[in-house]
C-alpha atoms as a PDB file:
ATOM      1  CA  UNK A   1     -35.651  68.265  49.709  1.00  0.00           C
ATOM      2  CA  UNK A   2     -34.213  66.877  46.468  1.00  0.00           C
ATOM      3  CA  UNK A   3     -37.752  66.381  45.155  1.00  0.00           C
ATOM      4  CA  UNK A   4     -38.564  70.042  45.757  1.00  0.00           C
ATOM      5  CA  UNK A   5     -35.354  71.057  43.990  1.00  0.00           C
ATOM      6  CA  UNK A   6     -36.224  68.935  40.944  1.00  0.00           C
ATOM      7  CA  UNK A   7     -39.764  70.335  40.830  1.00  0.00           C
ATOM      8  CA  UNK A   8     -38.536  73.917  41.111  1.00  0.00           C
ATOM      9  CA  UNK A   9     -36.018  73.569  38.311  1.00  0.00           C
ATOM     10  CA  UNK A  10     -38.539  71.700  36.161  1.00  0.00           C
ATOM     11  CA  UNK A  11     -41.022  74.540  36.575  1.00  0.00           C
ATOM     12  CA  UNK A  12     -38.457  77.226  35.802  1.00  0.00           C
ATOM     13  CA  UNK A  13     -37.259  75.388  32.685  1.00  0.00           C
ATOM     14  CA  UNK A  14     -40.849  74.946  31.500  1.00  0.00           C
ATOM     15  CA  UNK A  15     -41.548  78.638  32.056  1.00  0.00           C
ATOM     16  CA  UNK A  16     -38.455  79.688  30.089  1.00  0.00           C
ATOM     17  CA  UNK A  17     -38.763  76.944  27.429  1.00  0.00           C
ATOM     18  CA  UNK A  18     -35.031  76.440  27.953  1.00  0.00           C
ATOM     19  CA  UNK A  19     -32.529  75.427  30.623  1.00  0.00           C
ATOM     20  CA  UNK A  20     -33.524  76.713  34.059  1.00  0.00           C
ATOM     21  CA  UNK A  21     -30.182  78.529  34.217  1.00  0.00           C
ATOM     22  CA  UNK A  22     -27.733  79.344  31.436  1.00  0.00           C
ATOM     23  CA  UNK A  23     -30.617  79.331  28.906  1.00  0.00           C
ATOM     24  CA  UNK A  24     -28.688  80.712  25.919  1.00  0.00           C
ATOM     25  CA  UNK A  25     -25.092  80.131  24.970  1.00  0.00           C
ATOM     26  CA  UNK A  26     -22.387  79.858  22.357  1.00  0.00           C
ATOM     27  CA  UNK A  27     -21.156  76.400  21.351  1.00  0.00           C
ATOM     28  CA  UNK A  28     -17.434  76.091  20.657  1.00  0.00           C
ATOM     29  CA  UNK A  29     -15.013  73.322  19.782  1.00  0.00           C
ATOM     30  CA  UNK A  30     -11.341  72.930  20.463  1.00  0.00           C
ATOM     31  CA  UNK A  31      -8.744  70.940  22.340  1.00  0.00           C
ATOM     32  CA  UNK A  32      -7.617  70.435  25.926  1.00  0.00           C
ATOM     33  CA  UNK A  33      -3.925  69.719  26.559  1.00  0.00           C
ATOM     34  CA  UNK A  34      -3.025  68.370  30.027  1.00  0.00           C
ATOM     35  CA  UNK A  35      -0.026  69.800  31.858  1.00  0.00           C
ATOM     36  CA  UNK A  36      -0.176  67.759  35.084  1.00  0.00           C
ATOM     37  CA  UNK A  37      -1.667  64.529  36.440  1.00  0.00           C
ATOM     38  CA  UNK A  38      -3.372  65.946  39.531  1.00  0.00           C
ATOM     39  CA  UNK A  39      -6.685  65.094  37.830  1.00  0.00           C
ATOM     40  CA  UNK A  40      -7.242  61.961  35.700  1.00  0.00           C
ATOM     41  CA  UNK A  41      -6.664  63.717  32.388  1.00  0.00           C
ATOM     42  CA  UNK A  42      -5.999  61.744  29.217  1.00  0.00           C
ATOM     43  CA  UNK A  43      -2.279  61.267  28.526  1.00  0.00           C
ATOM     44  CA  UNK A  44      -2.347  63.765  25.648  1.00  0.00           C
ATOM     45  CA  UNK A  45      -4.456  66.414  23.898  1.00  0.00           C
ATOM     46  CA  UNK A  46      -8.157  65.563  23.652  1.00  0.00           C
ATOM     47  CA  UNK A  47     -10.929  67.178  21.552  1.00  0.00           C
ATOM     48  CA  UNK A  48     -13.623  69.077  23.428  1.00  0.00           C
ATOM     49  CA  UNK A  49     -16.961  70.737  22.822  1.00  0.00           C
ATOM     50  CA  UNK A  50     -17.710  73.687  25.088  1.00  0.00           C
ATOM     51  CA  UNK A  51     -20.457  76.200  25.791  1.00  0.00           C
ATOM     52  CA  UNK A  52     -20.149  79.774  27.055  1.00  0.00           C
ATOM     53  CA  UNK A  53     -23.360  81.057  28.621  1.00  0.00           C
ATOM     54  CA  UNK A  54     -24.949  83.597  30.947  1.00  0.00           C
ATOM     55  CA  UNK A  55     -26.423  82.131  34.123  1.00  0.00           C
ATOM     56  CA  UNK A  56     -29.541  84.267  34.451  1.00  0.00           C
ATOM     57  CA  UNK A  57     -29.694  85.073  30.751  1.00  0.00           C
ATOM     58  CA  UNK A  58     -29.298  88.837  31.204  1.00  0.00           C
ATOM     59  CA  UNK A  59     -29.495  90.705  27.882  1.00  0.00           C
ATOM     60  CA  UNK A  60     -26.597  92.237  26.012  1.00  0.00           C
ATOM     61  CA  UNK A  61     -23.476  93.036  27.998  1.00  0.00           C
ATOM     62  CA  UNK A  62     -25.186  93.281  31.398  1.00  0.00           C
ATOM     63  CA  UNK A  63     -23.257  91.504  34.185  1.00  0.00           C
ATOM     64  CA  UNK A  64     -24.168  87.901  34.917  1.00  0.00           C
ATOM     65  CA  UNK A  65     -22.711  84.741  36.417  1.00  0.00           C
ATOM     66  CA  UNK A  66     -20.945  83.518  33.284  1.00  0.00           C
ATOM     67  CA  UNK A  67     -20.607  79.825  32.572  1.00  0.00           C
ATOM     68  CA  UNK A  68     -17.955  77.718  30.868  1.00  0.00           C
ATOM     69  CA  UNK A  69     -19.043  74.108  30.291  1.00  0.00           C
ATOM     70  CA  UNK A  70     -16.560  71.667  28.749  1.00  0.00           C
ATOM     71  CA  UNK A  71     -17.068  68.124  27.487  1.00  0.00           C
ATOM     72  CA  UNK A  72     -13.953  66.021  26.902  1.00  0.00           C
ATOM     73  CA  UNK A  73     -14.953  63.803  24.002  1.00  0.00           C
ATOM     74  CA  UNK A  74     -14.251  60.067  24.000  1.00  0.00           C
ATOM     75  CA  UNK A  75     -11.791  58.740  21.448  1.00  0.00           C
ATOM     76  CA  UNK A  76     -11.415  55.167  20.157  1.00  0.00           C
ATOM     77  CA  UNK A  77      -9.119  53.373  22.556  1.00  0.00           C
ATOM     78  CA  UNK A  78      -8.599  56.522  24.651  1.00  0.00           C
ATOM     79  CA  UNK A  79     -10.883  58.426  26.963  1.00  0.00           C
ATOM     80  CA  UNK A  80     -10.673  60.729  29.991  1.00  0.00           C
ATOM     81  CA  UNK A  81      -8.721  59.108  32.779  1.00  0.00           C
ATOM     82  CA  UNK A  82      -7.353  56.469  30.410  1.00  0.00           C
ATOM     83  CA  UNK A  83      -6.828  53.167  32.142  1.00  0.00           C
ATOM     84  CA  UNK A  84     -10.301  52.354  33.408  1.00  0.00           C
ATOM     85  CA  UNK A  85     -12.272  55.588  33.336  1.00  0.00           C
ATOM     86  CA  UNK A  86     -15.820  55.711  32.005  1.00  0.00           C
ATOM     87  CA  UNK A  87     -19.125  57.366  32.811  1.00  0.00           C
ATOM     88  CA  UNK A  88     -20.564  56.011  36.018  1.00  0.00           C
ATOM     89  CA  UNK A  89     -24.143  55.508  34.878  1.00  0.00           C
ATOM     90  CA  UNK A  90     -25.758  54.918  31.483  1.00  0.00           C
ATOM     91  CA  UNK A  91     -26.263  57.947  29.310  1.00  0.00           C
ATOM     92  CA  UNK A  92     -29.847  59.075  29.611  1.00  0.00           C
ATOM     93  CA  UNK A  93     -29.823  62.543  28.149  1.00  0.00           C
ATOM     94  CA  UNK A  94     -30.869  63.830  24.772  1.00  0.00           C
ATOM     95  CA  UNK A  95     -29.060  66.663  23.070  1.00  0.00           C
ATOM     96  CA  UNK A  96     -30.632  70.080  23.270  1.00  0.00           C
ATOM     97  CA  UNK A  97     -30.794  72.696  20.517  1.00  0.00           C
ATOM     98  CA  UNK A  98     -27.989  75.226  20.468  1.00  0.00           C
ATOM     99  CA  UNK A  99     -26.809  77.650  17.828  1.00  0.00           C
ATOM    100  CA  UNK A 100     -27.255  76.691  14.197  1.00  0.00           C
ATOM    101  CA  UNK A 101     -24.110  75.133  12.698  1.00  0.00           C
ATOM    102  CA  UNK A 102     -22.112  77.479  10.512  1.00  0.00           C
ATOM    103  CA  UNK A 103     -20.910  76.541   7.035  1.00  0.00           C
ATOM    104  CA  UNK A 104     -18.591  73.569   7.200  1.00  0.00           C
ATOM    105  CA  UNK A 105     -19.227  73.021  10.925  1.00  0.00           C
ATOM    106  CA  UNK A 106     -18.504  69.445  12.086  1.00  0.00           C
ATOM    107  CA  UNK A 107     -21.410  67.240  13.154  1.00  0.00           C
ATOM    108  CA  UNK A 108     -22.538  67.490  16.807  1.00  0.00           C
ATOM    109  CA  UNK A 109     -20.870  65.171  19.324  1.00  0.00           C
ATOM    110  CA  UNK A 110     -22.560  61.857  19.955  1.00  0.00           C
ATOM    111  CA  UNK A 111     -23.214  60.887  23.553  1.00  0.00           C
ATOM    112  CA  UNK A 112     -21.416  57.685  24.490  1.00  0.00           C
ATOM    113  CA  UNK A 113     -22.913  55.145  26.885  1.00  0.00           C
ATOM    114  CA  UNK A 114     -21.161  53.801  29.949  1.00  0.00           C
ATOM    115  CA  UNK A 115     -18.650  51.135  29.099  1.00  0.00           C
ATOM    116  CA  UNK A 116     -17.808  52.753  25.758  1.00  0.00           C
ATOM    117  CA  UNK A 117     -15.321  55.200  27.252  1.00  0.00           C
ATOM    118  CA  UNK A 118     -17.763  58.000  27.981  1.00  0.00           C
ATOM    119  CA  UNK A 119     -17.355  61.778  28.071  1.00  0.00           C
ATOM    120  CA  UNK A 120     -16.203  63.898  30.993  1.00  0.00           C
ATOM    121  CA  UNK A 121     -18.295  67.021  31.656  1.00  0.00           C
ATOM    122  CA  UNK A 122     -16.846  70.007  33.515  1.00  0.00           C
ATOM    123  CA  UNK A 123     -18.990  73.035  34.436  1.00  0.00           C
ATOM    124  CA  UNK A 124     -17.413  76.252  35.717  1.00  0.00           C
ATOM    125  CA  UNK A 125     -18.953  79.575  36.786  1.00  0.00           C
ATOM    126  CA  UNK A 126     -17.420  82.995  37.362  1.00  0.00           C
ATOM    127  CA  UNK A 127     -16.440  83.266  41.014  1.00  0.00           C
ATOM    128  CA  UNK A 128     -13.695  84.458  43.301  1.00  0.00           C
ATOM    129  CA  UNK A 129     -10.424  82.598  43.742  1.00  0.00           C
ATOM    130  CA  UNK A 130      -9.906  82.714  47.523  1.00  0.00           C
ATOM    131  CA  UNK A 131     -10.861  80.070  50.087  1.00  0.00           C
ATOM    132  CA  UNK A 132     -14.461  81.304  50.318  1.00  0.00           C
ATOM    133  CA  UNK A 133     -14.803  83.197  47.040  1.00  0.00           C
ATOM    134  CA  UNK A 134     -14.132  80.143  44.881  1.00  0.00           C
ATOM    135  CA  UNK A 135     -17.370  78.612  46.204  1.00  0.00           C
ATOM    136  CA  UNK A 136     -19.573  81.650  45.468  1.00  0.00           C
ATOM    137  CA  UNK A 137     -20.861  82.595  41.992  1.00  0.00           C
ATOM    138  CA  UNK A 138     -19.909  86.146  41.057  1.00  0.00           C
ATOM    139  CA  UNK A 139     -21.467  88.324  38.329  1.00  0.00           C
ATOM    140  CA  UNK A 140     -18.874  89.307  35.743  1.00  0.00           C
ATOM    141  CA  UNK A 141     -18.681  91.973  33.053  1.00  0.00           C
ATOM    142  CA  UNK A 142     -16.174  90.185  30.813  1.00  0.00           C
ATOM    143  CA  UNK A 143     -15.590  86.649  29.488  1.00  0.00           C
ATOM    144  CA  UNK A 144     -11.820  87.071  29.768  1.00  0.00           C
ATOM    145  CA  UNK A 145     -11.296  88.665  33.171  1.00  0.00           C
ATOM    146  CA  UNK A 146     -11.299  86.857  36.506  1.00  0.00           C
ATOM    147  CA  UNK A 147     -11.812  83.234  37.468  1.00  0.00           C
ATOM    148  CA  UNK A 148     -14.309  80.533  36.558  1.00  0.00           C
ATOM    149  CA  UNK A 149     -14.480  77.758  39.177  1.00  0.00           C
ATOM    150  CA  UNK A 150     -16.232  74.461  39.840  1.00  0.00           C
ATOM    151  CA  UNK A 151     -17.721  76.090  43.011  1.00  0.00           C
ATOM    152  CA  UNK A 152     -17.537  72.725  44.784  1.00  0.00           C
ATOM    153  CA  UNK A 153     -14.491  70.440  44.838  1.00  0.00           C
ATOM    154  CA  UNK A 154     -13.822  67.059  43.337  1.00  0.00           C
ATOM    155  CA  UNK A 155     -12.816  64.296  45.710  1.00  0.00           C
ATOM    156  CA  UNK A 156      -9.936  62.131  44.480  1.00  0.00           C
ATOM    157  CA  UNK A 157      -8.798  59.517  46.989  1.00  0.00           C
ATOM    158  CA  UNK A 158      -8.386  61.510  50.218  1.00  0.00           C
ATOM    159  CA  UNK A 159      -7.927  64.927  48.561  1.00  0.00           C
ATOM    160  CA  UNK A 160     -10.348  67.730  47.730  1.00  0.00           C
ATOM    161  CA  UNK A 161      -9.520  69.491  44.456  1.00  0.00           C
ATOM    162  CA  UNK A 162     -11.238  72.580  43.019  1.00  0.00           C
ATOM    163  CA  UNK A 163     -10.981  73.286  39.310  1.00  0.00           C
ATOM    164  CA  UNK A 164     -10.746  76.769  37.834  1.00  0.00           C
ATOM    165  CA  UNK A 165     -10.119  78.479  34.508  1.00  0.00           C
ATOM    166  CA  UNK A 166      -8.580  81.828  33.614  1.00  0.00           C
ATOM    167  CA  UNK A 167      -8.350  83.388  30.178  1.00  0.00           C
ATOM    168  CA  UNK A 168      -4.742  83.755  29.030  1.00  0.00           C
ATOM    169  CA  UNK A 169      -3.231  86.944  30.449  1.00  0.00           C
ATOM    170  CA  UNK A 170      -2.705  88.439  26.992  1.00  0.00           C
ATOM    171  CA  UNK A 171      -6.370  87.931  26.022  1.00  0.00           C
ATOM    172  CA  UNK A 172      -8.233  91.112  25.095  1.00  0.00           C
ATOM    173  CA  UNK A 173     -11.153  92.128  27.241  1.00  0.00           C
ATOM    174  CA  UNK A 174     -14.406  90.681  25.824  1.00  0.00           C
ATOM    175  CA  UNK A 175     -17.631  92.193  27.160  1.00  0.00           C
ATOM    176  CA  UNK A 176     -20.165  89.858  28.740  1.00  0.00           C
ATOM    177  CA  UNK A 177     -22.431  89.494  25.720  1.00  0.00           C
ATOM    178  CA  UNK A 178     -22.848  86.447  23.522  1.00  0.00           C
ATOM    179  CA  UNK A 179     -22.455  88.626  20.447  1.00  0.00           C
ATOM    180  CA  UNK A 180     -19.097  89.950  21.652  1.00  0.00           C
ATOM    181  CA  UNK A 181     -17.642  86.526  22.386  1.00  0.00           C
ATOM    182  CA  UNK A 182     -19.016  85.151  19.109  1.00  0.00           C
ATOM    183  CA  UNK A 183     -17.119  87.847  17.213  1.00  0.00           C
ATOM    184  CA  UNK A 184     -13.924  87.441  19.257  1.00  0.00           C
ATOM    185  CA  UNK A 185     -12.653  84.315  17.533  1.00  0.00           C
ATOM    186  CA  UNK A 186     -10.324  81.824  19.211  1.00  0.00           C
ATOM    187  CA  UNK A 187     -10.103  81.745  23.014  1.00  0.00           C
ATOM    188  CA  UNK A 188      -7.378  80.291  25.218  1.00  0.00           C
ATOM    189  CA  UNK A 189      -7.835  79.398  28.889  1.00  0.00           C
ATOM    190  CA  UNK A 190      -5.449  78.030  31.506  1.00  0.00           C
ATOM    191  CA  UNK A 191      -7.095  75.471  33.795  1.00  0.00           C
ATOM    192  CA  UNK A 192      -5.810  75.303  37.353  1.00  0.00           C
ATOM    193  CA  UNK A 193      -6.465  73.012  40.303  1.00  0.00           C
ATOM    194  CA  UNK A 194      -7.144  74.586  43.693  1.00  0.00           C
ATOM    195  CA  UNK A 195      -5.829  72.915  46.804  1.00  0.00           C
ATOM    196  CA  UNK A 196      -7.252  73.001  50.313  1.00  0.00           C
ATOM    197  CA  UNK A 197      -4.485  75.420  51.323  1.00  0.00           C
ATOM    198  CA  UNK A 198      -5.707  77.931  48.720  1.00  0.00           C
ATOM    199  CA  UNK A 199      -2.945  77.439  46.117  1.00  0.00           C
ATOM    200  CA  UNK A 200      -3.802  77.216  42.410  1.00  0.00           C
ATOM    201  CA  UNK A 201      -1.575  75.169  40.095  1.00  0.00           C
ATOM    202  CA  UNK A 202      -1.663  74.958  36.284  1.00  0.00           C
ATOM    203  CA  UNK A 203      -3.142  71.641  35.151  1.00  0.00           C
ATOM    204  CA  UNK A 204      -4.250  72.038  31.488  1.00  0.00           C
ATOM    205  CA  UNK A 205      -4.587  74.463  28.584  1.00  0.00           C
ATOM    206  CA  UNK A 206      -7.911  74.862  26.762  1.00  0.00           C
ATOM    207  CA  UNK A 207      -8.088  76.208  23.199  1.00  0.00           C
ATOM    208  CA  UNK A 208     -11.532  77.005  21.782  1.00  0.00           C
ATOM    209  CA  UNK A 209     -12.780  78.074  18.350  1.00  0.00           C
ATOM    210  CA  UNK A 210     -16.349  78.732  17.258  1.00  0.00           C
ATOM    211  CA  UNK A 211     -18.105  75.882  15.500  1.00  0.00           C
ATOM    212  CA  UNK A 212     -21.770  76.175  16.431  1.00  0.00           C
ATOM    213  CA  UNK A 213     -24.112  73.190  16.436  1.00  0.00           C
ATOM    214  CA  UNK A 214     -26.136  71.621  19.246  1.00  0.00           C
ATOM    215  CA  UNK A 215     -24.897  71.722  22.820  1.00  0.00           C
ATOM    216  CA  UNK A 216     -24.573  68.454  24.739  1.00  0.00           C
ATOM    217  CA  UNK A 217     -26.681  67.977  27.858  1.00  0.00           C
ATOM    218  CA  UNK A 218     -23.814  68.657  30.248  1.00  0.00           C
ATOM    219  CA  UNK A 219     -24.030  66.772  33.568  1.00  0.00           C
ATOM    220  CA  UNK A 220     -20.882  67.011  35.726  1.00  0.00           C
ATOM    221  CA  UNK A 221     -22.253  64.627  38.370  1.00  0.00           C
ATOM    222  CA  UNK A 222     -22.813  61.743  35.943  1.00  0.00           C
ATOM    223  CA  UNK A 223     -20.139  62.215  33.298  1.00  0.00           C
ATOM    224  CA  UNK A 224     -16.817  62.016  35.106  1.00  0.00           C
ATOM    225  CA  UNK A 225     -13.951  59.523  35.384  1.00  0.00           C
ATOM    226  CA  UNK A 226     -13.805  56.589  37.749  1.00  0.00           C
ATOM    227  CA  UNK A 227     -12.263  57.499  41.080  1.00  0.00           C
ATOM    228  CA  UNK A 228     -13.489  61.104  40.892  1.00  0.00           C
ATOM    229  CA  UNK A 229     -16.633  62.350  42.651  1.00  0.00           C
ATOM    230  CA  UNK A 230     -18.159  65.719  43.464  1.00  0.00           C
ATOM    231  CA  UNK A 231     -18.053  66.708  47.140  1.00  0.00           C
ATOM    232  CA  UNK A 232     -19.858  66.899  49.458  1.00  0.00           C
ATOM    233  CA  UNK A 233     -22.104  63.981  48.453  1.00  0.00           C
ATOM    234  CA  UNK A 234     -25.337  65.576  49.731  1.00  0.00           C
ATOM    235  CA  UNK A 235     -24.774  68.691  47.622  1.00  0.00           C
ATOM    236  CA  UNK A 236     -23.906  66.592  44.571  1.00  0.00           C
ATOM    237  CA  UNK A 237     -27.232  64.762  45.014  1.00  0.00           C
ATOM    238  CA  UNK A 238     -29.115  68.084  45.165  1.00  0.00           C
ATOM    239  CA  UNK A 239     -27.332  69.355  42.043  1.00  0.00           C
ATOM    240  CA  UNK A 240     -28.125  66.153  40.156  1.00  0.00           C
ATOM    241  CA  UNK A 241     -31.836  66.535  40.925  1.00  0.00           C
ATOM    242  CA  UNK A 242     -31.635  70.140  39.751  1.00  0.00           C
ATOM    243  CA  UNK A 243     -30.146  68.980  36.433  1.00  0.00           C
ATOM    244  CA  UNK A 244     -32.832  66.291  36.134  1.00  0.00           C
ATOM    245  CA  UNK A 245     -35.595  68.824  36.797  1.00  0.00           C
ATOM    246  CA  UNK A 246     -34.213  71.286  34.271  1.00  0.00           C
ATOM    247  CA  UNK A 247     -34.007  68.578  31.601  1.00  0.00           C
ATOM    248  CA  UNK A 248     -37.550  67.391  32.334  1.00  0.00           C
ATOM    249  CA  UNK A 249     -38.975  70.908  32.044  1.00  0.00           C
ATOM    250  CA  UNK A 250     -37.411  71.743  28.684  1.00  0.00           C
ATOM    251  CA  UNK A 251     -39.459  71.257  25.509  1.00  0.00           C
END
């Protein structure tokens, strides 16, 4: 089954000459500030590079499953889940073209290999927030209304933990077009962890500003801290083959 998944995503990426899903996006930079220790966050604010994208690549402001991908960048002597965290397998991706850097934009992030204190990749998609809805992608008409979720939970020790993001309540409505979010300026999201009983609790604050530049090859199954896995394992394996197929099919 996983082989068929990889082949399908490879073919779709080759046909589109881009990612199989979320083909076009806006690259942003900013900072994530932890509020709780329910996930293995760094002990303080950490720089991030992020990408906002449309899942099917619908044009203009047409509804789509919107994506928010976040990479927590390694820092000398400090990395996600400080105290032993690192990527679980060697880095094997190459960066993919994104938007052209604007004047004065910082250089693109460099992928760090396992053992160097690697990055942590988080990918979220617009979805519901209830017990069932948080697992189902949902087309959205705005970047700043409703929830983005991990769709599947993380497993940490004996607990299952979903991750979600909501734009700050005072955020203006931004239509679901890349042009609109590019012109909107700074964005602020509250990240929340979802428990098995359905509760959501604040866990971090994400501040983003436009910077442009290449987007990292996000892979949430490979780039995550020690002691954290995606659940269930069989679905994580299928998703990883989908990512591999999409990467293989891109030019």
